[in-house]
Amino acid sequence: MQKFPILNESQVVVLHAKVSTGHVLDINLSLAISDTQIVFQIFESLNEALDHINQVKGNNSNIEFVIYDSNEKVIRYIG
């Protein structure tokens, strides 16, 4: 899997996964099966990440999201 990206203090990353299986998805919402796929989507703020999640969730309720801060700490789970 892709290494956790280096972020500045205000940035966050979102990891997408399939609700039914927990399988990690890449940023194109395809099953992540290769080390070359990008699985962490970087956002400049938590609000930008939440806007993205609301948009994706509106189109597909079968995806769950984990938001991490710059210290690799989970700050929010949205299932």
Protein backbone atom coordinates (compact mmCIF):
# COMPACT_ATOMS: atom_id res chain seq x y z
CA MET A 1 0.00 0.00 0.00
CA GLN A 2 1.05 3.58 -0.57
CA LYS A 3 3.03 5.22 2.25
CA PHE A 4 1.31 7.88 4.31
CA PRO A 5 1.97 11.27 2.70
CA ILE A 6 3.84 14.11 4.37
CA LEU A 7 1.36 16.85 5.23
CA ASN A 8 1.50 20.32 6.68
CA GLU A 9 -0.40 20.92 9.93
CA SER A 10 -3.66 22.05 8.35
CA GLN A 11 -3.87 19.30 5.73
CA VAL A 12 -5.77 16.05 6.13
CA VAL A 13 -6.06 12.88 4.07
CA VAL A 14 -9.07 10.74 3.32
CA LEU A 15 -8.94 6.99 2.89
CA HIS A 16 -11.91 5.39 1.11
CA ALA A 17 -13.10 1.82 1.72
CA LYS A 18 -15.99 -0.38 0.69
CA VAL A 19 -18.56 -0.62 3.50
CA SER A 20 -19.48 -4.26 2.91
CA THR A 21 -15.92 -5.60 2.89
CA GLY A 22 -13.63 -2.92 4.31
CA HIS A 23 -11.45 -3.22 1.23
CA VAL A 24 -9.42 -0.08 0.60
CA LEU A 25 -10.25 1.88 -2.54
CA ASP A 26 -7.98 4.17 -4.51
CA ILE A 27 -8.86 7.81 -5.16
CA ASN A 28 -10.81 6.74 -8.27
CA LEU A 29 -12.91 4.46 -6.02
CA SER A 30 -11.48 1.29 -7.58
CA LEU A 31 -10.29 -1.62 -5.47
CA ALA A 32 -6.69 -0.91 -4.40
CA ILE A 33 -4.73 -4.01 -5.34
CA SER A 34 -1.43 -2.48 -6.43
CA ASP A 35 1.27 -0.50 -4.62
CA THR A 36 1.15 2.02 -7.46
CA GLN A 37 -2.46 3.04 -6.78
CA ILE A 38 -3.00 6.24 -4.79
CA VAL A 39 -5.16 5.56 -1.75
CA PHE A 40 -4.67 8.73 0.30
CA GLN A 41 -6.46 11.80 -1.04
CA ILE A 42 -4.97 15.02 0.35
CA PHE A 43 -7.11 18.04 1.28
CA GLU A 44 -6.02 21.47 2.48
CA SER A 45 -8.51 21.43 5.37
CA LEU A 46 -10.98 19.26 7.21
CA ASN A 47 -13.84 21.24 5.65
CA GLU A 48 -12.59 20.46 2.13
CA ALA A 49 -12.37 16.79 3.03
CA LEU A 50 -15.91 16.80 4.45
CA ASP A 51 -17.23 18.50 1.29
CA HIS A 52 -15.58 15.77 -0.79
CA ILE A 53 -17.04 13.04 1.41
CA ASN A 54 -20.55 14.51 1.17
CA GLN A 55 -20.28 14.63 -2.60
CA VAL A 56 -19.00 11.04 -2.91
CA LYS A 57 -21.48 9.71 -0.34
CA GLY A 58 -24.33 11.38 -2.25
CA ASN A 59 -23.43 9.32 -5.30
CA ASN A 60 -22.48 6.08 -3.53
CA SER A 61 -23.62 5.05 -0.06
CA ASN A 62 -21.45 1.91 -0.15
CA ILE A 63 -18.26 3.79 0.72
CA GLU A 64 -16.87 4.58 4.16
CA PHE A 65 -14.21 7.17 4.90
CA VAL A 66 -11.40 7.65 7.38
CA ILE A 67 -9.89 11.11 7.83
CA TYR A 68 -6.33 11.35 9.16
CA ASP A 69 -4.43 14.39 10.36
CA SER A 70 -0.78 15.21 9.64
CA ASN A 71 0.31 12.98 12.54
CA GLU A 72 -1.38 9.92 10.99
CA LYS A 73 -4.05 10.06 13.70
CA VAL A 74 -7.65 9.22 12.81
CA ILE A 75 -9.70 12.32 13.42
CA ARG A 76 -12.98 11.14 11.94
CA TYR A 77 -14.66 7.99 10.63
CA ILE A 78 -17.71 8.32 8.41
CA GLY A 79 -19.49 5.08 7.62
